[in-house]
Amino acid sequence: MMMPKSSDKIEKINDIISEMKKDGTMAKLYEKWLGAPPAADSVTVTPMPVPTSAD
């Protein structure tokens, strides 16, 4: 999800997405829409830190 890097919502949204990955919601959505389960080690199911840009 793209947001301005100064957004005060980045951490909260990342926390929600990470929780969806941990509880299996993201994997279920992936399989529903793409017809196959995601790879066990993919970023679809692995919580990640908020990305930063190289300035």
C-alpha atoms as a PDB file:
ATOM      1  CA  MET A   1       0.000   0.000   0.000  1.00  0.00           C
ATOM      2  CA  MET A   2       1.484   3.302  -1.035  1.00  0.00           C
ATOM      3  CA  MET A   3       1.323   6.287   1.302  1.00  0.00           C
ATOM      4  CA  PRO A   4       3.248   9.495   1.761  1.00  0.00           C
ATOM      5  CA  LYS A   5       6.293   8.675   3.863  1.00  0.00           C
ATOM      6  CA  SER A   6       5.272  11.388   6.319  1.00  0.00           C
ATOM      7  CA  SER A   7       1.855   9.779   6.961  1.00  0.00           C
ATOM      8  CA  ASP A   8       0.993   9.175  10.587  1.00  0.00           C
ATOM      9  CA  LYS A   9      -0.933   6.049   9.531  1.00  0.00           C
ATOM     10  CA  ILE A  10       1.984   3.993   8.167  1.00  0.00           C
ATOM     11  CA  GLU A  11       2.804   2.103  11.367  1.00  0.00           C
ATOM     12  CA  LYS A  12      -0.854   1.333  12.158  1.00  0.00           C
ATOM     13  CA  ILE A  13      -1.546   0.036   8.653  1.00  0.00           C
ATOM     14  CA  ASN A  14       1.626  -2.051   8.681  1.00  0.00           C
ATOM     15  CA  ASP A  15       0.567  -3.518  12.050  1.00  0.00           C
ATOM     16  CA  ILE A  16      -2.843  -4.456  10.630  1.00  0.00           C
ATOM     17  CA  ILE A  17      -1.326  -6.060   7.524  1.00  0.00           C
ATOM     18  CA  SER A  18       1.197  -7.939   9.689  1.00  0.00           C
ATOM     19  CA  GLU A  19      -1.625  -9.262  11.869  1.00  0.00           C
ATOM     20  CA  MET A  20      -3.518 -10.399   8.755  1.00  0.00           C
ATOM     21  CA  LYS A  21      -0.407 -12.311   7.696  1.00  0.00           C
ATOM     22  CA  LYS A  22       0.011 -13.899  11.138  1.00  0.00           C
ATOM     23  CA  ASP A  23      -3.617 -14.998  11.532  1.00  0.00           C
ATOM     24  CA  GLY A  24      -3.867 -16.441   8.000  1.00  0.00           C
ATOM     25  CA  THR A  25      -6.276 -13.864   6.586  1.00  0.00           C
ATOM     26  CA  MET A  26      -3.809 -12.711   3.920  1.00  0.00           C
ATOM     27  CA  ALA A  27      -3.142 -16.296   2.765  1.00  0.00           C
ATOM     28  CA  LYS A  28      -6.900 -16.963   2.503  1.00  0.00           C
ATOM     29  CA  LEU A  29      -7.429 -13.827   0.417  1.00  0.00           C
ATOM     30  CA  TYR A  30      -4.475 -14.724  -1.807  1.00  0.00           C
ATOM     31  CA  GLU A  31      -5.832 -18.212  -2.430  1.00  0.00           C
ATOM     32  CA  LYS A  32      -9.382 -16.947  -3.005  1.00  0.00           C
ATOM     33  CA  TRP A  33      -8.334 -14.438  -5.656  1.00  0.00           C
ATOM     34  CA  LEU A  34      -5.332 -16.187  -7.215  1.00  0.00           C
ATOM     35  CA  GLY A  35      -6.530 -19.789  -7.015  1.00  0.00           C
ATOM     36  CA  ALA A  36      -3.501 -21.245  -5.223  1.00  0.00           C
ATOM     37  CA  PRO A  37      -1.990 -20.889  -1.778  1.00  0.00           C
ATOM     38  CA  PRO A  38       0.965 -18.519  -1.405  1.00  0.00           C
ATOM     39  CA  ALA A  39       4.445 -19.954  -0.904  1.00  0.00           C
ATOM     40  CA  ALA A  40       5.148 -20.486   2.800  1.00  0.00           C
ATOM     41  CA  ASP A  41       8.159 -18.145   2.720  1.00  0.00           C
ATOM     42  CA  SER A  42       6.594 -15.404   0.571  1.00  0.00           C
ATOM     43  CA  VAL A  43       6.032 -11.808   1.639  1.00  0.00           C
ATOM     44  CA  THR A  44       2.313 -12.557   1.379  1.00  0.00           C
ATOM     45  CA  VAL A  45       2.533 -14.483   4.654  1.00  0.00           C
ATOM     46  CA  THR A  46       5.718 -13.082   6.211  1.00  0.00           C
ATOM     47  CA  PRO A  47       5.344  -9.890   8.288  1.00  0.00           C
ATOM     48  CA  MET A  48       7.851  -7.251   7.184  1.00  0.00           C
ATOM     49  CA  PRO A  49       9.004  -3.904   8.582  1.00  0.00           C
ATOM     50  CA  VAL A  50       7.778  -0.702   6.977  1.00  0.00           C
ATOM     51  CA  PRO A  51       9.898  -0.179   3.857  1.00  0.00           C
ATOM     52  CA  THR A  52      12.016   2.925   3.647  1.00  0.00           C
ATOM     53  CA  SER A  53      13.372   4.686   0.614  1.00  0.00           C
ATOM     54  CA  ALA A  54      16.998   5.414   0.011  1.00  0.00           C
ATOM     55  CA  ASP A  55      17.360   9.193   0.156  1.00  0.00           C
END
